[in-house]
Amino acid sequence: MPRLTFIGKPDCHLCEDARAIVETVLLEFPGVTLEERSILDEPELFDAYVEEIPVIMIDDRVHTIWKVDAARLRSALERAAADS
């Protein structure tokens, strides 16, 4: 199954909105693992994504930044699950 990484930071309203969508979509994909990482805890993530959070990655590849579209995420996870 695919691995989803959520990169954000605390007290980020865009991150909170994106997290709600991600959590809802992941209810349909119980085998997908979710890892949350904060740009405040990892300097390399801060340097790479400070202007782009939230960042959603599927299997270490950027899927989307800023705004998560549920249908697009669902389709990407379906494709990733079929490929694994």
PDB file of N, CA and C in Angstrom:
ATOM      1  N   MET A   1       0.844  -1.194   0.000  1.00  0.00           N
ATOM      2  CA  MET A   1       0.000   0.000   0.000  1.00  0.00           C
ATOM      3  C   MET A   1       0.889   1.258   0.000  1.00  0.00           C
ATOM      4  N   PRO A   2       0.353   2.330  -0.492  1.00  0.00           N
ATOM      5  CA  PRO A   2       1.121   3.581  -0.541  1.00  0.00           C
ATOM      6  C   PRO A   2       1.391   4.144   0.851  1.00  0.00           C
ATOM      7  N   ARG A   3       2.337   5.044   0.876  1.00  0.00           N
ATOM      8  CA  ARG A   3       2.713   5.756   2.104  1.00  0.00           C
ATOM      9  C   ARG A   3       2.457   7.243   1.852  1.00  0.00           C
ATOM     10  N   LEU A   4       1.685   7.866   2.699  1.00  0.00           N
ATOM     11  CA  LEU A   4       1.359   9.275   2.549  1.00  0.00           C
ATOM     12  C   LEU A   4       2.092  10.066   3.633  1.00  0.00           C
ATOM     13  N   THR A   5       2.747  11.132   3.230  1.00  0.00           N
ATOM     14  CA  THR A   5       3.445  12.012   4.172  1.00  0.00           C
ATOM     15  C   THR A   5       2.791  13.379   4.122  1.00  0.00           C
ATOM     16  N   PHE A   6       2.453  13.880   5.291  1.00  0.00           N
ATOM     17  CA  PHE A   6       1.832  15.191   5.441  1.00  0.00           C
ATOM     18  C   PHE A   6       2.871  16.112   6.076  1.00  0.00           C
ATOM     19  N   ILE A   7       3.282  17.137   5.351  1.00  0.00           N
ATOM     20  CA  ILE A   7       4.280  18.079   5.862  1.00  0.00           C
ATOM     21  C   ILE A   7       3.576  19.403   6.133  1.00  0.00           C
ATOM     22  N   GLY A   8       3.671  19.869   7.359  1.00  0.00           N
ATOM     23  CA  GLY A   8       3.023  21.116   7.746  1.00  0.00           C
ATOM     24  C   GLY A   8       3.690  21.701   8.974  1.00  0.00           C
ATOM     25  N   LYS A   9       2.897  22.414   9.747  1.00  0.00           N
ATOM     26  CA  LYS A   9       3.381  22.949  11.024  1.00  0.00           C
ATOM     27  C   LYS A   9       2.179  23.234  11.904  1.00  0.00           C
ATOM     28  N   PRO A  10       2.382  23.335  13.214  1.00  0.00           N
ATOM     29  CA  PRO A  10       1.287  23.649  14.121  1.00  0.00           C
ATOM     30  C   PRO A  10       0.728  25.056  13.844  1.00  0.00           C
ATOM     31  N   ASP A  11      -0.534  25.230  14.162  1.00  0.00           N
ATOM     32  CA  ASP A  11      -1.215  26.530  14.056  1.00  0.00           C
ATOM     33  C   ASP A  11      -1.219  27.080  12.631  1.00  0.00           C
ATOM     34  N   CYS A  12      -1.336  26.211  11.663  1.00  0.00           N
ATOM     35  CA  CYS A  12      -1.396  26.585  10.251  1.00  0.00           C
ATOM     36  C   CYS A  12      -2.804  26.257   9.764  1.00  0.00           C
ATOM     37  N   HIS A  13      -3.595  27.283   9.448  1.00  0.00           N
ATOM     38  CA  HIS A  13      -4.986  27.020   9.069  1.00  0.00           C
ATOM     39  C   HIS A  13      -5.091  26.225   7.770  1.00  0.00           C
ATOM     40  N   LEU A  14      -4.189  26.442   6.826  1.00  0.00           N
ATOM     41  CA  LEU A  14      -4.211  25.640   5.596  1.00  0.00           C
ATOM     42  C   LEU A  14      -3.906  24.174   5.905  1.00  0.00           C
ATOM     43  N   CYS A  15      -2.990  23.955   6.852  1.00  0.00           N
ATOM     44  CA  CYS A  15      -2.645  22.585   7.250  1.00  0.00           C
ATOM     45  C   CYS A  15      -3.837  21.899   7.911  1.00  0.00           C
ATOM     46  N   GLU A  16      -4.543  22.632   8.749  1.00  0.00           N
ATOM     47  CA  GLU A  16      -5.712  22.059   9.422  1.00  0.00           C
ATOM     48  C   GLU A  16      -6.784  21.682   8.411  1.00  0.00           C
ATOM     49  N   ASP A  17      -7.017  22.554   7.435  1.00  0.00           N
ATOM     50  CA  ASP A  17      -7.999  22.260   6.392  1.00  0.00           C
ATOM     51  C   ASP A  17      -7.577  21.036   5.585  1.00  0.00           C
ATOM     52  N   ALA A  18      -6.311  20.991   5.206  1.00  0.00           N
ATOM     53  CA  ALA A  18      -5.796  19.870   4.414  1.00  0.00           C
ATOM     54  C   ALA A  18      -5.849  18.574   5.218  1.00  0.00           C
ATOM     55  N   ARG A  19      -5.495  18.633   6.495  1.00  0.00           N
ATOM     56  CA  ARG A  19      -5.492  17.431   7.338  1.00  0.00           C
ATOM     57  C   ARG A  19      -6.895  16.825   7.407  1.00  0.00           C
ATOM     58  N   ALA A  20      -7.903  17.665   7.522  1.00  0.00           N
ATOM     59  CA  ALA A  20      -9.284  17.161   7.583  1.00  0.00           C
ATOM     60  C   ALA A  20      -9.644  16.412   6.300  1.00  0.00           C
ATOM     61  N   ILE A  21      -9.251  16.935   5.162  1.00  0.00           N
ATOM     62  CA  ILE A  21      -9.530  16.264   3.887  1.00  0.00           C
ATOM     63  C   ILE A  21      -8.750  14.958   3.796  1.00  0.00           C
ATOM     64  N   VAL A  22      -7.473  15.000   4.146  1.00  0.00           N
ATOM     65  CA  VAL A  22      -6.631  13.794   4.100  1.00  0.00           C
ATOM     66  C   VAL A  22      -7.220  12.714   5.004  1.00  0.00           C
ATOM     67  N   GLU A  23      -7.579  13.067   6.218  1.00  0.00           N
ATOM     68  CA  GLU A  23      -8.118  12.076   7.153  1.00  0.00           C
ATOM     69  C   GLU A  23      -9.414  11.467   6.632  1.00  0.00           C
ATOM     70  N   THR A  24     -10.251  12.275   6.007  1.00  0.00           N
ATOM     71  CA  THR A  24     -11.506  11.767   5.450  1.00  0.00           C
ATOM     72  C   THR A  24     -11.236  10.788   4.308  1.00  0.00           C
ATOM     73  N   VAL A  25     -10.347  11.162   3.404  1.00  0.00           N
ATOM     74  CA  VAL A  25     -10.020  10.277   2.272  1.00  0.00           C
ATOM     75  C   VAL A  25      -9.361   8.993   2.767  1.00  0.00           C
ATOM     76  N   LEU A  26      -8.504   9.095   3.758  1.00  0.00           N
ATOM     77  CA  LEU A  26      -7.794   7.904   4.238  1.00  0.00           C
ATOM     78  C   LEU A  26      -8.725   6.884   4.891  1.00  0.00           C
ATOM     79  N   LEU A  27      -9.912   7.289   5.282  1.00  0.00           N
ATOM     80  CA  LEU A  27     -10.884   6.323   5.803  1.00  0.00           C
ATOM     81  C   LEU A  27     -11.222   5.268   4.752  1.00  0.00           C
ATOM     82  N   GLU A  28     -11.066   5.615   3.480  1.00  0.00           N
ATOM     83  CA  GLU A  28     -11.341   4.698   2.383  1.00  0.00           C
ATOM     84  C   GLU A  28     -10.141   3.811   2.048  1.00  0.00           C
ATOM     85  N   PHE A  29      -8.991   4.106   2.649  1.00  0.00           N
ATOM     86  CA  PHE A  29      -7.751   3.390   2.349  1.00  0.00           C
ATOM     87  C   PHE A  29      -7.082   2.949   3.649  1.00  0.00           C
ATOM     88  N   PRO A  30      -7.658   1.960   4.328  1.00  0.00           N
ATOM     89  CA  PRO A  30      -7.134   1.583   5.647  1.00  0.00           C
ATOM     90  C   PRO A  30      -5.696   1.075   5.637  1.00  0.00           C
ATOM     91  N   GLY A  31      -5.193   0.624   4.506  1.00  0.00           N
ATOM     92  CA  GLY A  31      -3.821   0.120   4.455  1.00  0.00           C
ATOM     93  C   GLY A  31      -2.766   1.179   4.224  1.00  0.00           C
ATOM     94  N   VAL A  32      -3.184   2.410   3.935  1.00  0.00           N
ATOM     95  CA  VAL A  32      -2.231   3.487   3.666  1.00  0.00           C
ATOM     96  C   VAL A  32      -1.668   3.999   4.988  1.00  0.00           C
ATOM     97  N   THR A  33      -0.356   4.122   5.051  1.00  0.00           N
ATOM     98  CA  THR A  33       0.260   4.677   6.249  1.00  0.00           C
ATOM     99  C   THR A  33       0.366   6.190   6.106  1.00  0.00           C
ATOM    100  N   LEU A  34       0.177   6.878   7.196  1.00  0.00           N
ATOM    101  CA  LEU A  34       0.265   8.338   7.232  1.00  0.00           C
ATOM    102  C   LEU A  34       1.363   8.736   8.199  1.00  0.00           C
ATOM    103  N   GLU A  35       2.278   9.536   7.700  1.00  0.00           N
ATOM    104  CA  GLU A  35       3.349  10.085   8.525  1.00  0.00           C
ATOM    105  C   GLU A  35       3.202  11.602   8.505  1.00  0.00           C
ATOM    106  N   GLU A  36       3.144  12.208   9.681  1.00  0.00           N
ATOM    107  CA  GLU A  36       3.081  13.665   9.759  1.00  0.00           C
ATOM    108  C   GLU A  36       4.433  14.201  10.184  1.00  0.00           C
ATOM    109  N   ARG A  37       4.893  15.234   9.451  1.00  0.00           N
ATOM    110  CA  ARG A  37       6.181  15.856   9.757  1.00  0.00           C
ATOM    111  C   ARG A  37       5.992  17.362   9.799  1.00  0.00           C
ATOM    112  N   SER A  38       6.715  18.003  10.694  1.00  0.00           N
ATOM    113  CA  SER A  38       6.621  19.447  10.860  1.00  0.00           C
ATOM    114  C   SER A  38       7.882  20.127  10.344  1.00  0.00           C
ATOM    115  N   ILE A  39       7.691  21.208   9.599  1.00  0.00           N
ATOM    116  CA  ILE A  39       8.847  21.967   9.118  1.00  0.00           C
ATOM    117  C   ILE A  39       9.589  22.620  10.279  1.00  0.00           C
ATOM    118  N   LEU A  40       8.937  22.745  11.421  1.00  0.00           N
ATOM    119  CA  LEU A  40       9.586  23.355  12.580  1.00  0.00           C
ATOM    120  C   LEU A  40      10.553  22.396  13.262  1.00  0.00           C
ATOM    121  N   ASP A  41      10.385  21.104  13.011  1.00  0.00           N
ATOM    122  CA  ASP A  41      11.240  20.089  13.642  1.00  0.00           C
ATOM    123  C   ASP A  41      12.405  19.657  12.765  1.00  0.00           C
ATOM    124  N   GLU A  42      12.323  19.968  11.468  1.00  0.00           N
ATOM    125  CA  GLU A  42      13.330  19.473  10.535  1.00  0.00           C
ATOM    126  C   GLU A  42      13.801  20.614   9.632  1.00  0.00           C
ATOM    127  N   PRO A  43      14.999  21.123   9.878  1.00  0.00           N
ATOM    128  CA  PRO A  43      15.501  22.262   9.106  1.00  0.00           C
ATOM    129  C   PRO A  43      15.484  22.048   7.591  1.00  0.00           C
ATOM    130  N   GLU A  44      15.759  20.830   7.139  1.00  0.00           N
ATOM    131  CA  GLU A  44      15.755  20.593   5.692  1.00  0.00           C
ATOM    132  C   GLU A  44      14.352  20.715   5.106  1.00  0.00           C
ATOM    133  N   LEU A  45      13.350  20.308   5.873  1.00  0.00           N
ATOM    134  CA  LEU A  45      11.970  20.497   5.416  1.00  0.00           C
ATOM    135  C   LEU A  45      11.591  21.973   5.438  1.00  0.00           C
ATOM    136  N   PHE A  46      12.036  22.682   6.455  1.00  0.00           N
ATOM    137  CA  PHE A  46      11.772  24.117   6.537  1.00  0.00           C
ATOM    138  C   PHE A  46      12.332  24.819   5.300  1.00  0.00           C
ATOM    139  N   ASP A  47      13.587  24.532   4.980  1.00  0.00           N
ATOM    140  CA  ASP A  47      14.231  25.171   3.825  1.00  0.00           C
ATOM    141  C   ASP A  47      13.509  24.832   2.523  1.00  0.00           C
ATOM    142  N   ALA A  48      13.058  23.612   2.397  1.00  0.00           N
ATOM    143  CA  ALA A  48      12.449  23.166   1.147  1.00  0.00           C
ATOM    144  C   ALA A  48      11.005  23.620   0.984  1.00  0.00           C
ATOM    145  N   TYR A  49      10.250  23.683   2.092  1.00  0.00           N
ATOM    146  CA  TYR A  49       8.804  23.854   1.965  1.00  0.00           C
ATOM    147  C   TYR A  49       8.186  24.995   2.761  1.00  0.00           C
ATOM    148  N   VAL A  50       8.974  25.884   3.321  1.00  0.00           N
ATOM    149  CA  VAL A  50       8.416  26.915   4.188  1.00  0.00           C
ATOM    150  C   VAL A  50       7.322  27.743   3.509  1.00  0.00           C
ATOM    151  N   GLU A  51       7.424  27.953   2.219  1.00  0.00           N
ATOM    152  CA  GLU A  51       6.427  28.752   1.494  1.00  0.00           C
ATOM    153  C   GLU A  51       5.354  27.895   0.828  1.00  0.00           C
ATOM    154  N   GLU A  52       5.376  26.590   1.049  1.00  0.00           N
ATOM    155  CA  GLU A  52       4.482  25.710   0.310  1.00  0.00           C
ATOM    156  C   GLU A  52       3.581  24.838   1.170  1.00  0.00           C
ATOM    157  N   ILE A  53       3.674  24.904   2.484  1.00  0.00           N
ATOM    158  CA  ILE A  53       2.882  24.009   3.323  1.00  0.00           C
ATOM    159  C   ILE A  53       1.404  24.334   3.230  1.00  0.00           C
ATOM    160  N   PRO A  54       0.584  23.326   3.374  1.00  0.00           N
ATOM    161  CA  PRO A  54       0.931  21.923   3.570  1.00  0.00           C
ATOM    162  C   PRO A  54       1.376  21.254   2.276  1.00  0.00           C
ATOM    163  N   VAL A  55       2.211  20.259   2.447  1.00  0.00           N
ATOM    164  CA  VAL A  55       2.687  19.452   1.328  1.00  0.00           C
ATOM    165  C   VAL A  55       2.229  18.021   1.580  1.00  0.00           C
ATOM    166  N   ILE A  56       1.623  17.418   0.569  1.00  0.00           N
ATOM    167  CA  ILE A  56       1.205  16.029   0.657  1.00  0.00           C
ATOM    168  C   ILE A  56       2.078  15.238  -0.313  1.00  0.00           C
ATOM    169  N   MET A  57       2.718  14.210   0.224  1.00  0.00           N
ATOM    170  CA  MET A  57       3.565  13.349  -0.600  1.00  0.00           C
ATOM    171  C   MET A  57       2.991  11.932  -0.588  1.00  0.00           C
ATOM    172  N   ILE A  58       3.057  11.297  -1.733  1.00  0.00           N
ATOM    173  CA  ILE A  58       2.680   9.886  -1.824  1.00  0.00           C
ATOM    174  C   ILE A  58       3.931   9.134  -2.257  1.00  0.00           C
ATOM    175  N   ASP A  59       4.353   8.216  -1.406  1.00  0.00           N
ATOM    176  CA  ASP A  59       5.568   7.438  -1.673  1.00  0.00           C
ATOM    177  C   ASP A  59       6.742   8.347  -2.031  1.00  0.00           C
ATOM    178  N   ASP A  60       6.941   9.373  -1.213  1.00  0.00           N
ATOM    179  CA  ASP A  60       8.073  10.305  -1.318  1.00  0.00           C
ATOM    180  C   ASP A  60       8.049  11.199  -2.552  1.00  0.00           C
ATOM    181  N   ARG A  61       6.923  11.280  -3.227  1.00  0.00           N
ATOM    182  CA  ARG A  61       6.782  12.185  -4.374  1.00  0.00           C
ATOM    183  C   ARG A  61       5.697  13.211  -4.040  1.00  0.00           C
ATOM    184  N   VAL A  62       5.977  14.476  -4.310  1.00  0.00           N
ATOM    185  CA  VAL A  62       5.003  15.525  -4.007  1.00  0.00           C
ATOM    186  C   VAL A  62       3.740  15.293  -4.818  1.00  0.00           C
ATOM    187  N   HIS A  63       2.639  15.215  -4.102  1.00  0.00           N
ATOM    188  CA  HIS A  63       1.329  15.087  -4.743  1.00  0.00           C
ATOM    189  C   HIS A  63       0.688  16.464  -4.899  1.00  0.00           C
ATOM    190  N   THR A  64       0.711  17.247  -3.841  1.00  0.00           N
ATOM    191  CA  THR A  64       0.093  18.569  -3.890  1.00  0.00           C
ATOM    192  C   THR A  64       0.671  19.468  -2.817  1.00  0.00           C
ATOM    193  N   ILE A  65       0.517  20.771  -3.042  1.00  0.00           N
ATOM    194  CA  ILE A  65       0.884  21.772  -2.040  1.00  0.00           C
ATOM    195  C   ILE A  65      -0.313  22.686  -1.833  1.00  0.00           C
ATOM    196  N   TRP A  66      -0.353  23.318  -0.706  1.00  0.00           N
ATOM    197  CA  TRP A  66      -1.348  24.306  -0.267  1.00  0.00           C
ATOM    198  C   TRP A  66      -2.756  23.760  -0.081  1.00  0.00           C
ATOM    199  N   LYS A  67      -3.403  23.339  -1.139  1.00  0.00           N
ATOM    200  CA  LYS A  67      -4.798  22.933  -1.040  1.00  0.00           C
ATOM    201  C   LYS A  67      -4.969  21.507  -1.546  1.00  0.00           C
ATOM    202  N   VAL A  68      -5.631  20.681  -0.755  1.00  0.00           N
ATOM    203  CA  VAL A  68      -5.831  19.285  -1.108  1.00  0.00           C
ATOM    204  C   VAL A  68      -7.215  19.117  -1.722  1.00  0.00           C
ATOM    205  N   ASP A  69      -7.244  18.495  -2.880  1.00  0.00           N
ATOM    206  CA  ASP A  69      -8.497  18.152  -3.540  1.00  0.00           C
ATOM    207  C   ASP A  69      -8.787  16.680  -3.242  1.00  0.00           C
ATOM    208  N   ALA A  70      -9.908  16.411  -2.588  1.00  0.00           N
ATOM    209  CA  ALA A  70     -10.222  15.048  -2.153  1.00  0.00           C
ATOM    210  C   ALA A  70     -10.292  14.070  -3.319  1.00  0.00           C
ATOM    211  N   ALA A  71     -10.939  14.444  -4.405  1.00  0.00           N
ATOM    212  CA  ALA A  71     -11.080  13.535  -5.550  1.00  0.00           C
ATOM    213  C   ALA A  71      -9.722  13.235  -6.175  1.00  0.00           C
ATOM    214  N   ARG A  72      -8.888  14.243  -6.287  1.00  0.00           N
ATOM    215  CA  ARG A  72      -7.546  14.043  -6.868  1.00  0.00           C
ATOM    216  C   ARG A  72      -6.693  13.154  -5.968  1.00  0.00           C
ATOM    217  N   LEU A  73      -6.767  13.365  -4.651  1.00  0.00           N
ATOM    218  CA  LEU A  73      -6.017  12.535  -3.709  1.00  0.00           C
ATOM    219  C   LEU A  73      -6.512  11.100  -3.769  1.00  0.00           C
ATOM    220  N   ARG A  74      -7.815  10.923  -3.789  1.00  0.00           N
ATOM    221  CA  ARG A  74      -8.403   9.586  -3.868  1.00  0.00           C
ATOM    222  C   ARG A  74      -7.906   8.853  -5.123  1.00  0.00           C
ATOM    223  N   SER A  75      -7.928   9.524  -6.255  1.00  0.00           N
ATOM    224  CA  SER A  75      -7.462   8.911  -7.514  1.00  0.00           C
ATOM    225  C   SER A  75      -5.984   8.546  -7.450  1.00  0.00           C
ATOM    226  N   ALA A  76      -5.181   9.436  -6.890  1.00  0.00           N
ATOM    227  CA  ALA A  76      -3.743   9.174  -6.777  1.00  0.00           C
ATOM    228  C   ALA A  76      -3.473   7.984  -5.863  1.00  0.00           C
ATOM    229  N   LEU A  77      -4.217   7.880  -4.771  1.00  0.00           N
ATOM    230  CA  LEU A  77      -4.031   6.740  -3.869  1.00  0.00           C
ATOM    231  C   LEU A  77      -4.493   5.443  -4.522  1.00  0.00           C
ATOM    232  N   GLU A  78      -5.568   5.501  -5.291  1.00  0.00           N
ATOM    233  CA  GLU A  78      -6.022   4.300  -6.003  1.00  0.00           C
ATOM    234  C   GLU A  78      -4.951   3.828  -6.988  1.00  0.00           C
ATOM    235  N   ARG A  79      -4.357   4.767  -7.731  1.00  0.00           N
ATOM    236  CA  ARG A  79      -3.302   4.404  -8.678  1.00  0.00           C
ATOM    237  C   ARG A  79      -2.083   3.843  -7.952  1.00  0.00           C
ATOM    238  N   ALA A  80      -1.689   4.507  -6.870  1.00  0.00           N
ATOM    239  CA  ALA A  80      -0.516   4.062  -6.110  1.00  0.00           C
ATOM    240  C   ALA A  80      -0.757   2.675  -5.493  1.00  0.00           C
ATOM    241  N   ALA A  81      -1.974   2.432  -5.034  1.00  0.00           N
ATOM    242  CA  ALA A  81      -2.285   1.127  -4.447  1.00  0.00           C
ATOM    243  C   ALA A  81      -2.256   0.037  -5.518  1.00  0.00           C
ATOM    244  N   ALA A  82      -2.726   0.367  -6.718  1.00  0.00           N
ATOM    245  CA  ALA A  82      -2.712  -0.610  -7.814  1.00  0.00           C
ATOM    246  C   ALA A  82      -1.295  -0.932  -8.257  1.00  0.00           C
ATOM    247  N   ASP A  83      -0.399   0.060  -8.145  1.00  0.00           N
ATOM    248  CA  ASP A  83       0.992  -0.132  -8.560  1.00  0.00           C
ATOM    249  C   ASP A  83       1.826  -0.875  -7.526  1.00  0.00           C
ATOM    250  N   SER A  84       1.334  -0.946  -6.287  1.00  0.00           N
ATOM    251  CA  SER A  84       2.153  -1.572  -5.248  1.00  0.00           C
ATOM    252  C   SER A  84       1.840  -3.038  -5.055  1.00  0.00           C
TER     253      SER A  84
END
